[in-house]
Amino acid sequence: MAKKRITKKELDAIERAAKREAQKAAGAMDGRFRPRVVKSRKTYARKPKHPGTDSA
């Protein structure tokens, strides 16, 4: 029987799993770190109608 060749997709999955395990060992998944999210500039950011008044 011939050996099964590892596809690029499978290789990427193996590398991703190894990277995640390293991150878990470093403590990245225990809630102390949170992702830095940069807000998209493609969406329209509406300005408040009355800046300075707090309508709660």
C-alpha atoms as a PDB file:
ATOM      1  CA  MET A   1       0.000   0.000   0.000  1.00  0.00           C
ATOM      2  CA  ALA A   2       1.223   3.478  -0.834  1.00  0.00           C
ATOM      3  CA  LYS A   3       1.739   6.110   1.852  1.00  0.00           C
ATOM      4  CA  LYS A   4      -0.985   8.708   2.217  1.00  0.00           C
ATOM      5  CA  ARG A   5       0.320  12.138   1.320  1.00  0.00           C
ATOM      6  CA  ILE A   6      -0.398  14.974   3.715  1.00  0.00           C
ATOM      7  CA  THR A   7      -2.283  17.739   1.942  1.00  0.00           C
ATOM      8  CA  LYS A   8      -1.598  21.418   2.461  1.00  0.00           C
ATOM      9  CA  LYS A   9      -4.945  21.795   4.252  1.00  0.00           C
ATOM     10  CA  GLU A  10      -4.095  19.028   6.719  1.00  0.00           C
ATOM     11  CA  LEU A  11      -0.608  20.467   7.278  1.00  0.00           C
ATOM     12  CA  ASP A  12      -2.085  23.896   8.033  1.00  0.00           C
ATOM     13  CA  ALA A  13      -4.510  22.312  10.499  1.00  0.00           C
ATOM     14  CA  ILE A  14      -1.668  20.498  12.288  1.00  0.00           C
ATOM     15  CA  GLU A  15       0.390  23.699  12.507  1.00  0.00           C
ATOM     16  CA  ARG A  16      -2.627  25.677  13.758  1.00  0.00           C
ATOM     17  CA  ALA A  17      -3.326  23.054  16.452  1.00  0.00           C
ATOM     18  CA  ALA A  18       0.311  23.128  17.593  1.00  0.00           C
ATOM     19  CA  LYS A  19       0.271  26.929  17.745  1.00  0.00           C
ATOM     20  CA  ARG A  20      -2.949  26.887  19.782  1.00  0.00           C
ATOM     21  CA  GLU A  21      -1.497  24.355  22.232  1.00  0.00           C
ATOM     22  CA  ALA A  22       1.538  26.627  22.698  1.00  0.00           C
ATOM     23  CA  GLN A  23      -0.781  29.585  23.339  1.00  0.00           C
ATOM     24  CA  LYS A  24      -2.776  27.567  25.884  1.00  0.00           C
ATOM     25  CA  ALA A  25       0.441  26.585  27.657  1.00  0.00           C
ATOM     26  CA  ALA A  26       1.422  30.260  27.787  1.00  0.00           C
ATOM     27  CA  GLY A  27      -1.942  31.112  29.374  1.00  0.00           C
ATOM     28  CA  ALA A  28      -3.437  33.037  26.465  1.00  0.00           C
ATOM     29  CA  MET A  29      -6.803  31.256  26.699  1.00  0.00           C
ATOM     30  CA  ASP A  30      -7.456  31.680  30.432  1.00  0.00           C
ATOM     31  CA  GLY A  31      -9.243  35.018  30.156  1.00  0.00           C
ATOM     32  CA  ARG A  32      -6.399  37.343  31.122  1.00  0.00           C
ATOM     33  CA  PHE A  33      -5.814  38.507  27.581  1.00  0.00           C
ATOM     34  CA  ARG A  34      -8.412  40.038  25.313  1.00  0.00           C
ATOM     35  CA  PRO A  35      -8.068  40.721  21.620  1.00  0.00           C
ATOM     36  CA  ARG A  36      -7.373  44.238  20.494  1.00  0.00           C
ATOM     37  CA  VAL A  37     -10.174  45.111  18.093  1.00  0.00           C
ATOM     38  CA  VAL A  38      -9.660  47.947  15.647  1.00  0.00           C
ATOM     39  CA  LYS A  39     -13.012  49.395  14.632  1.00  0.00           C
ATOM     40  CA  SER A  40     -13.722  49.235  10.917  1.00  0.00           C
ATOM     41  CA  ARG A  41     -13.757  52.588   9.169  1.00  0.00           C
ATOM     42  CA  LYS A  42     -15.973  51.217   6.415  1.00  0.00           C
ATOM     43  CA  THR A  43     -19.081  51.580   8.557  1.00  0.00           C
ATOM     44  CA  TYR A  44     -20.629  54.988   9.119  1.00  0.00           C
ATOM     45  CA  ALA A  45     -20.106  56.260  12.661  1.00  0.00           C
ATOM     46  CA  ARG A  46     -23.075  58.475  13.476  1.00  0.00           C
ATOM     47  CA  LYS A  47     -22.319  61.514  15.588  1.00  0.00           C
ATOM     48  CA  PRO A  48     -24.583  62.238  18.577  1.00  0.00           C
ATOM     49  CA  LYS A  49     -27.291  64.820  17.845  1.00  0.00           C
ATOM     50  CA  HIS A  50     -26.726  66.759  21.052  1.00  0.00           C
ATOM     51  CA  PRO A  51     -23.142  66.293  22.229  1.00  0.00           C
ATOM     52  CA  GLY A  52     -22.904  67.277  25.866  1.00  0.00           C
ATOM     53  CA  THR A  53     -26.366  66.226  26.988  1.00  0.00           C
ATOM     54  CA  ASP A  54     -26.618  62.820  28.594  1.00  0.00           C
ATOM     55  CA  SER A  55     -29.878  61.163  27.654  1.00  0.00           C
ATOM     56  CA  ALA A  56     -30.181  58.060  29.823  1.00  0.00           C
END
